[in-house]
Each structure stands twice: as structure tokens, then as C-alpha cells.
N, C-alpha and C. Protein backbone atom coordinates (compact mmCIF):
# COMPACT_ATOMS: atom_id res chain seq x y z
N MET A 1 0.86 -1.17 0.00
CA MET A 1 0.00 0.00 0.00
C MET A 1 0.90 1.23 0.00
N THR A 2 0.54 2.21 -0.80
CA THR A 2 1.33 3.43 -0.86
C THR A 2 1.11 4.27 0.37
N LYS A 3 2.01 5.20 0.57
CA LYS A 3 1.90 6.09 1.73
C LYS A 3 0.61 6.91 1.65
N LEU A 4 0.24 7.38 0.45
CA LEU A 4 -0.98 8.15 0.26
C LEU A 4 -2.21 7.29 0.55
N GLY A 5 -2.17 6.03 0.10
CA GLY A 5 -3.29 5.11 0.36
C GLY A 5 -3.45 4.84 1.85
N LEU A 6 -2.34 4.68 2.56
CA LEU A 6 -2.38 4.45 4.01
C LEU A 6 -2.96 5.65 4.74
N ILE A 7 -2.57 6.86 4.33
CA ILE A 7 -3.11 8.08 4.94
C ILE A 7 -4.61 8.17 4.69
N ALA A 8 -5.05 7.88 3.48
CA ALA A 8 -6.48 7.93 3.16
C ALA A 8 -7.26 6.92 3.99
N LEU A 9 -6.70 5.71 4.16
CA LEU A 9 -7.36 4.68 4.96
C LEU A 9 -7.47 5.11 6.41
N MET A 10 -6.40 5.64 6.97
CA MET A 10 -6.42 6.08 8.37
C MET A 10 -7.39 7.23 8.57
N THR A 11 -7.44 8.15 7.61
CA THR A 11 -8.37 9.28 7.71
C THR A 11 -9.81 8.79 7.68
N SER A 12 -10.11 7.85 6.78
CA SER A 12 -11.49 7.35 6.71
C SER A 12 -11.86 6.55 7.96
N LEU A 13 -10.91 5.81 8.52
CA LEU A 13 -11.19 5.07 9.75
C LEU A 13 -11.44 6.01 10.92
N SER A 14 -10.65 7.07 11.03
CA SER A 14 -10.87 8.00 12.13
C SER A 14 -12.17 8.76 11.96
N PHE A 15 -12.55 9.08 10.73
CA PHE A 15 -13.84 9.74 10.49
C PHE A 15 -14.97 8.80 10.87
N GLY A 16 -14.85 7.55 10.48
CA GLY A 16 -15.89 6.57 10.81
C GLY A 16 -16.04 6.39 12.31
N THR A 17 -14.95 6.42 13.04
CA THR A 17 -15.01 6.29 14.49
C THR A 17 -15.71 7.47 15.12
N SER A 18 -15.43 8.68 14.65
CA SER A 18 -16.08 9.85 15.24
C SER A 18 -17.57 9.88 14.93
N VAL A 19 -17.95 9.41 13.77
CA VAL A 19 -19.38 9.35 13.45
C VAL A 19 -20.06 8.36 14.39
N LEU A 20 -19.45 7.18 14.58
CA LEU A 20 -20.05 6.20 15.47
C LEU A 20 -20.07 6.69 16.91
N ALA A 21 -19.03 7.39 17.32
CA ALA A 21 -18.95 7.87 18.69
C ALA A 21 -20.02 8.91 18.98
N SER A 22 -20.48 9.63 17.95
CA SER A 22 -21.47 10.67 18.17
C SER A 22 -22.90 10.19 17.88
N ASP A 23 -23.08 8.90 17.78
CA ASP A 23 -24.39 8.34 17.50
C ASP A 23 -25.23 8.31 18.77
N VAL A 24 -26.44 8.81 18.69
CA VAL A 24 -27.33 8.90 19.85
C VAL A 24 -28.00 7.56 20.17
N THR A 25 -27.95 6.63 19.22
CA THR A 25 -28.60 5.34 19.46
C THR A 25 -27.81 4.54 20.49
N GLY A 26 -28.52 3.73 21.24
CA GLY A 26 -27.89 2.90 22.26
C GLY A 26 -28.78 2.79 23.48
N VAL A 27 -28.22 2.29 24.56
CA VAL A 27 -28.95 2.13 25.81
C VAL A 27 -28.44 3.17 26.80
N TRP A 28 -29.38 3.89 27.41
CA TRP A 28 -29.07 5.01 28.30
C TRP A 28 -29.71 4.81 29.67
N ARG A 29 -29.00 5.22 30.72
CA ARG A 29 -29.54 5.23 32.08
C ARG A 29 -30.06 6.62 32.35
N THR A 30 -31.32 6.72 32.76
CA THR A 30 -31.91 8.02 33.07
C THR A 30 -31.34 8.55 34.38
N SER A 31 -31.44 9.85 34.55
CA SER A 31 -30.89 10.46 35.77
C SER A 31 -31.82 10.27 36.97
N GLU A 32 -33.08 10.02 36.71
CA GLU A 32 -34.03 9.82 37.80
C GLU A 32 -34.47 8.36 37.82
N GLU A 33 -34.43 7.77 38.97
CA GLU A 33 -34.89 6.40 39.20
C GLU A 33 -34.07 5.34 38.50
N GLY A 34 -33.03 5.72 37.77
CA GLY A 34 -32.15 4.74 37.16
C GLY A 34 -32.78 3.86 36.11
N GLY A 35 -33.75 4.38 35.38
CA GLY A 35 -34.37 3.60 34.32
C GLY A 35 -33.42 3.41 33.15
N LYS A 36 -33.70 2.40 32.33
CA LYS A 36 -32.91 2.14 31.13
C LYS A 36 -33.80 2.36 29.91
N ILE A 37 -33.31 3.19 28.99
CA ILE A 37 -34.04 3.52 27.77
C ILE A 37 -33.19 3.15 26.56
N ALA A 38 -33.77 2.44 25.61
CA ALA A 38 -33.10 2.13 24.35
C ALA A 38 -33.54 3.14 23.31
N ILE A 39 -32.57 3.86 22.74
CA ILE A 39 -32.87 4.81 21.67
C ILE A 39 -32.39 4.18 20.36
N GLU A 40 -33.28 4.20 19.38
CA GLU A 40 -32.97 3.60 18.09
C GLU A 40 -33.52 4.46 16.97
N ARG A 41 -33.10 4.16 15.78
CA ARG A 41 -33.62 4.87 14.61
C ARG A 41 -34.99 4.31 14.26
N CYS A 42 -35.90 5.22 13.95
CA CYS A 42 -37.25 4.86 13.52
C CYS A 42 -37.50 5.64 12.22
N GLY A 43 -37.11 5.05 11.11
CA GLY A 43 -37.18 5.77 9.84
C GLY A 43 -36.14 6.89 9.85
N ASN A 44 -36.59 8.13 9.57
CA ASN A 44 -35.70 9.28 9.57
C ASN A 44 -35.60 9.96 10.93
N SER A 45 -36.25 9.41 11.92
CA SER A 45 -36.22 10.00 13.25
C SER A 45 -35.63 9.01 14.25
N ILE A 46 -35.63 9.39 15.51
CA ILE A 46 -35.23 8.47 16.57
C ILE A 46 -36.41 8.28 17.52
N CYS A 47 -36.42 7.15 18.18
CA CYS A 47 -37.45 6.88 19.18
C CYS A 47 -36.80 6.12 20.33
N GLY A 48 -37.48 6.06 21.45
CA GLY A 48 -36.92 5.38 22.61
C GLY A 48 -37.97 4.59 23.36
N LYS A 49 -37.55 3.45 23.90
CA LYS A 49 -38.48 2.61 24.66
C LYS A 49 -37.84 2.19 25.98
N ILE A 50 -38.70 1.88 26.93
CA ILE A 50 -38.25 1.48 28.26
C ILE A 50 -37.73 0.04 28.22
N LEU A 51 -36.49 -0.13 28.69
CA LEU A 51 -35.91 -1.47 28.81
C LEU A 51 -36.00 -2.00 30.22
N GLY A 52 -36.10 -1.10 31.17
CA GLY A 52 -36.17 -1.51 32.56
C GLY A 52 -36.20 -0.30 33.46
N GLY A 53 -36.54 -0.53 34.70
CA GLY A 53 -36.60 0.56 35.67
C GLY A 53 -35.45 0.51 36.63
N GLY A 54 -35.52 1.36 37.59
CA GLY A 54 -34.52 1.38 38.63
C GLY A 54 -34.74 0.25 39.60
N ALA A 55 -34.18 0.39 40.76
CA ALA A 55 -34.34 -0.62 41.80
C ALA A 55 -35.82 -0.79 42.14
N PRO A 56 -36.26 -2.03 42.32
CA PRO A 56 -37.67 -2.26 42.66
C PRO A 56 -38.04 -1.53 43.95
N GLN A 57 -39.20 -0.92 43.92
CA GLN A 57 -39.69 -0.21 45.10
C GLN A 57 -41.08 -0.72 45.43
N ALA A 58 -41.37 -0.79 46.71
CA ALA A 58 -42.70 -1.22 47.13
C ALA A 58 -43.72 -0.24 46.57
N GLY A 59 -44.75 -0.77 45.98
CA GLY A 59 -45.82 0.06 45.46
C GLY A 59 -45.58 0.59 44.05
N ARG A 60 -44.39 0.36 43.48
CA ARG A 60 -44.12 0.84 42.12
C ARG A 60 -44.86 -0.05 41.13
N SER A 61 -45.62 0.58 40.26
CA SER A 61 -46.42 -0.15 39.29
C SER A 61 -45.56 -0.62 38.11
N THR A 62 -45.94 -1.73 37.51
CA THR A 62 -45.28 -2.21 36.30
C THR A 62 -46.15 -1.95 35.07
N THR A 63 -47.28 -1.29 35.30
CA THR A 63 -48.17 -0.94 34.19
C THR A 63 -48.27 0.58 34.09
N ASP A 64 -48.82 1.02 32.99
CA ASP A 64 -48.95 2.44 32.68
C ASP A 64 -50.18 3.03 33.38
N ASP A 65 -50.26 2.85 34.69
CA ASP A 65 -51.47 3.18 35.44
C ASP A 65 -51.75 4.67 35.59
N LYS A 66 -50.81 5.53 35.24
CA LYS A 66 -51.04 6.98 35.34
C LYS A 66 -51.43 7.60 33.99
N ASN A 67 -51.59 6.75 32.97
CA ASN A 67 -51.93 7.25 31.64
C ASN A 67 -53.25 8.01 31.68
N LYS A 68 -53.33 9.12 30.98
CA LYS A 68 -54.54 9.94 30.95
C LYS A 68 -55.69 9.22 30.24
N ASN A 69 -55.34 8.23 29.40
CA ASN A 69 -56.35 7.44 28.71
C ASN A 69 -56.59 6.15 29.50
N PRO A 70 -57.74 6.02 30.14
CA PRO A 70 -58.01 4.83 30.96
C PRO A 70 -57.84 3.50 30.21
N ALA A 71 -58.06 3.49 28.91
CA ALA A 71 -57.94 2.26 28.13
C ALA A 71 -56.49 1.78 28.03
N LEU A 72 -55.52 2.66 28.30
CA LEU A 72 -54.10 2.30 28.19
C LEU A 72 -53.44 2.01 29.53
N ARG A 73 -54.17 2.11 30.60
CA ARG A 73 -53.57 1.99 31.93
C ARG A 73 -53.08 0.59 32.30
N ASN A 74 -53.50 -0.42 31.59
CA ASN A 74 -53.05 -1.78 31.91
C ASN A 74 -51.88 -2.25 31.05
N ARG A 75 -51.42 -1.43 30.12
CA ARG A 75 -50.30 -1.87 29.27
C ARG A 75 -49.01 -1.87 30.09
N PRO A 76 -48.12 -2.82 29.83
CA PRO A 76 -46.87 -2.89 30.60
C PRO A 76 -45.93 -1.75 30.26
N LEU A 77 -45.19 -1.29 31.26
CA LEU A 77 -44.19 -0.25 31.02
C LEU A 77 -42.98 -0.80 30.27
N LEU A 78 -42.61 -2.03 30.54
CA LEU A 78 -41.47 -2.63 29.88
C LEU A 78 -41.73 -2.74 28.38
N GLY A 79 -40.87 -2.13 27.58
CA GLY A 79 -41.03 -2.13 26.13
C GLY A 79 -41.84 -0.97 25.60
N LEU A 80 -42.39 -0.15 26.47
CA LEU A 80 -43.23 0.97 26.07
C LEU A 80 -42.41 2.06 25.37
N THR A 81 -42.84 2.49 24.20
CA THR A 81 -42.19 3.59 23.49
C THR A 81 -42.59 4.89 24.17
N ILE A 82 -41.58 5.62 24.66
CA ILE A 82 -41.85 6.87 25.37
C ILE A 82 -41.29 8.09 24.63
N MET A 83 -40.44 7.87 23.63
CA MET A 83 -39.86 8.96 22.85
C MET A 83 -40.16 8.69 21.38
N GLN A 84 -40.60 9.73 20.66
CA GLN A 84 -40.85 9.55 19.24
C GLN A 84 -40.87 10.87 18.50
N GLY A 85 -40.64 10.79 17.19
CA GLY A 85 -40.77 11.94 16.31
C GLY A 85 -39.61 12.91 16.29
N PHE A 86 -38.46 12.55 16.82
CA PHE A 86 -37.31 13.45 16.85
C PHE A 86 -36.61 13.44 15.50
N ILE A 87 -36.32 14.63 14.99
CA ILE A 87 -35.61 14.75 13.72
C ILE A 87 -34.36 15.60 13.93
N GLY A 88 -33.45 15.49 13.00
CA GLY A 88 -32.21 16.26 13.08
C GLY A 88 -31.03 15.36 13.22
N GLY A 89 -30.18 15.69 14.18
CA GLY A 89 -29.00 14.90 14.45
C GLY A 89 -27.80 15.42 13.68
N PRO A 90 -26.63 14.91 13.90
CA PRO A 90 -26.35 13.82 14.81
C PRO A 90 -26.21 14.27 16.27
N GLN A 91 -26.06 15.58 16.51
CA GLN A 91 -25.86 16.04 17.89
C GLN A 91 -27.15 16.48 18.58
N VAL A 92 -28.03 17.15 17.84
CA VAL A 92 -29.27 17.68 18.43
C VAL A 92 -30.46 17.16 17.63
N TRP A 93 -31.44 16.66 18.37
CA TRP A 93 -32.67 16.13 17.79
C TRP A 93 -33.83 16.92 18.38
N THR A 94 -34.71 17.43 17.52
CA THR A 94 -35.82 18.28 17.96
C THR A 94 -37.14 17.78 17.38
N GLY A 95 -38.22 18.45 17.80
CA GLY A 95 -39.53 18.17 17.22
C GLY A 95 -40.21 16.93 17.73
N GLY A 96 -39.63 16.27 18.72
CA GLY A 96 -40.21 15.04 19.22
C GLY A 96 -40.99 15.24 20.50
N THR A 97 -41.54 14.15 20.97
CA THR A 97 -42.26 14.16 22.24
C THR A 97 -41.71 13.06 23.13
N ILE A 98 -41.88 13.29 24.42
CA ILE A 98 -41.50 12.29 25.41
C ILE A 98 -42.67 12.08 26.36
N TYR A 99 -42.96 10.83 26.63
CA TYR A 99 -44.05 10.46 27.52
C TYR A 99 -43.46 10.16 28.89
N ASN A 100 -44.05 10.71 29.93
CA ASN A 100 -43.59 10.45 31.29
C ASN A 100 -44.61 9.54 31.98
N PRO A 101 -44.28 8.26 32.15
CA PRO A 101 -45.23 7.36 32.79
C PRO A 101 -45.46 7.66 34.27
N ASN A 102 -44.61 8.50 34.87
CA ASN A 102 -44.81 8.86 36.28
C ASN A 102 -46.00 9.80 36.49
N ASP A 103 -46.34 10.57 35.44
CA ASP A 103 -47.50 11.47 35.56
C ASP A 103 -48.48 11.36 34.40
N GLY A 104 -48.18 10.50 33.42
CA GLY A 104 -49.08 10.31 32.28
C GLY A 104 -49.06 11.44 31.28
N GLY A 105 -48.10 12.35 31.39
CA GLY A 105 -48.03 13.51 30.48
C GLY A 105 -47.14 13.27 29.29
N VAL A 106 -47.47 13.94 28.18
CA VAL A 106 -46.66 13.93 26.97
C VAL A 106 -46.12 15.34 26.80
N TYR A 107 -44.81 15.45 26.59
CA TYR A 107 -44.15 16.76 26.55
C TYR A 107 -43.34 16.93 25.27
N GLN A 108 -43.31 18.16 24.75
CA GLN A 108 -42.42 18.49 23.64
C GLN A 108 -41.00 18.35 24.16
N ALA A 109 -40.09 17.81 23.34
CA ALA A 109 -38.77 17.53 23.86
C ALA A 109 -37.68 17.74 22.82
N THR A 110 -36.47 17.91 23.32
CA THR A 110 -35.27 17.93 22.51
C THR A 110 -34.26 16.98 23.15
N VAL A 111 -33.40 16.44 22.33
CA VAL A 111 -32.36 15.53 22.78
C VAL A 111 -31.04 16.07 22.25
N LYS A 112 -30.08 16.23 23.16
CA LYS A 112 -28.77 16.76 22.77
C LYS A 112 -27.69 15.80 23.25
N LEU A 113 -26.86 15.36 22.32
CA LEU A 113 -25.72 14.53 22.65
C LEU A 113 -24.60 15.46 23.10
N ALA A 114 -24.44 15.59 24.42
CA ALA A 114 -23.45 16.51 24.99
C ALA A 114 -22.03 15.97 24.80
N SER A 115 -21.87 14.66 24.87
CA SER A 115 -20.59 13.99 24.60
C SER A 115 -20.93 12.56 24.23
N THR A 116 -19.93 11.77 23.95
CA THR A 116 -20.16 10.40 23.53
C THR A 116 -21.07 9.63 24.48
N ASP A 117 -20.91 9.87 25.78
CA ASP A 117 -21.64 9.09 26.77
C ASP A 117 -22.61 9.89 27.63
N VAL A 118 -22.91 11.12 27.22
CA VAL A 118 -23.82 11.98 27.99
C VAL A 118 -24.89 12.55 27.06
N LEU A 119 -26.14 12.34 27.45
CA LEU A 119 -27.29 12.80 26.68
C LEU A 119 -28.11 13.74 27.55
N GLN A 120 -28.48 14.88 27.00
CA GLN A 120 -29.35 15.81 27.72
C GLN A 120 -30.73 15.76 27.08
N VAL A 121 -31.72 15.39 27.88
CA VAL A 121 -33.10 15.25 27.41
C VAL A 121 -33.91 16.34 28.09
N LYS A 122 -34.50 17.22 27.29
CA LYS A 122 -35.25 18.36 27.80
C LYS A 122 -36.71 18.24 27.37
N GLY A 123 -37.59 18.20 28.35
CA GLY A 123 -39.02 18.14 28.09
C GLY A 123 -39.69 19.41 28.57
N CYS A 124 -40.66 19.91 27.80
CA CYS A 124 -41.31 21.18 28.12
C CYS A 124 -42.82 21.05 28.08
N ILE A 125 -43.46 21.60 29.10
CA ILE A 125 -44.92 21.76 29.05
C ILE A 125 -45.19 22.83 28.02
N VAL A 126 -44.57 23.96 28.22
CA VAL A 126 -44.52 25.08 27.28
C VAL A 126 -43.31 25.90 27.72
N ALA A 127 -42.51 26.35 26.76
CA ALA A 127 -41.31 27.13 27.14
C ALA A 127 -41.75 28.36 27.91
N PRO A 128 -41.14 28.70 28.98
CA PRO A 128 -39.89 28.20 29.55
C PRO A 128 -40.10 27.14 30.64
N LEU A 129 -41.27 26.53 30.71
CA LEU A 129 -41.53 25.52 31.73
C LEU A 129 -40.99 24.17 31.26
N CYS A 130 -39.68 24.00 31.46
CA CYS A 130 -38.97 22.82 30.96
C CYS A 130 -38.17 22.18 32.07
N LYS A 131 -37.84 20.91 31.86
CA LYS A 131 -36.98 20.19 32.78
C LYS A 131 -35.98 19.39 31.94
N THR A 132 -34.72 19.45 32.33
CA THR A 132 -33.68 18.72 31.62
C THR A 132 -33.13 17.62 32.50
N GLN A 133 -32.99 16.43 31.92
CA GLN A 133 -32.34 15.31 32.59
C GLN A 133 -31.05 14.99 31.84
N THR A 134 -30.06 14.52 32.58
CA THR A 134 -28.81 14.07 31.97
C THR A 134 -28.78 12.55 32.06
N TRP A 135 -28.69 11.90 30.91
CA TRP A 135 -28.65 10.45 30.84
C TRP A 135 -27.23 10.01 30.52
N THR A 136 -26.86 8.80 30.96
CA THR A 136 -25.53 8.27 30.75
C THR A 136 -25.61 7.01 29.90
N ARG A 137 -24.72 6.91 28.91
CA ARG A 137 -24.73 5.76 28.02
C ARG A 137 -24.31 4.49 28.76
N LEU A 138 -25.06 3.41 28.54
CA LEU A 138 -24.70 2.11 29.07
C LEU A 138 -24.08 1.24 27.99
N LYS A 139 -24.62 1.30 26.78
CA LYS A 139 -24.09 0.53 25.64
C LYS A 139 -24.14 1.39 24.41
């Protein structure tokens, strides 16, 4: 391999690594209650579903019992899609919603990849009434 070919290969490999390192998809630990959320591509957007919760607590429900729609209150939380409709990337995703099973509310949200292993998830009732959580990458 020529010296120029080796440089081109190394450049493309390093570019590929940085693209993968900045990918928002993966498994994340939430900052509250230690839940696990899997974020994946859903067409041209990203979505997220519950993989598990934090430490078991007495009285903690395993169903969506706080949902505003009574017909949905018996569905299991495990596997529930709580994030959807986010567009953009690779660092900032906007235009999506996040569902909070703790209060049954759906909020406008943005997702920002602050670093390879840190995700900032901001949900808003209406600006400026927002709350930001910092999630940590697990996988």
C-alpha cells in the first residue's frame, strides 16, 4: 500500500469512528430512578423505549397506570415507546415528544448529545416551563 493510500485509509477510519462515537442510538440510564431507555432509529427520526426501571420499590407499578387514557392503563411499562418523532441529528434532535409514565403527560422535547456518553433530554410543558435530565450511556 502506498503512503498516500495508508493516509487515506487512516483518515477514513478516524472519520468513521467519530461518526459512530457521536451516535445517539444505544442504551441510556436516566438520571431519575435509574431507568434504562433504548434509543434507536425509527425511519428518519429516533425513538426510545423502556428497557427496565430502577431498583424495585414497594408500590411501584409495572403498568402504565397513570396514563390519561383509561384504556391504556393496563399496558406494561417494559417495552413501552416513550420517545418519538425526533428529527435532526447527529448532535441535536428536535420536534419530538417524550411520555412520562410517572405522571401520564406527553411533553415536547429535545435531545442533545453533549458527549459520547452523555445525553441531555429536555421536556417542556410550554417554554420556559422545561426540565432537563442528563442520561448516561450504558451501551
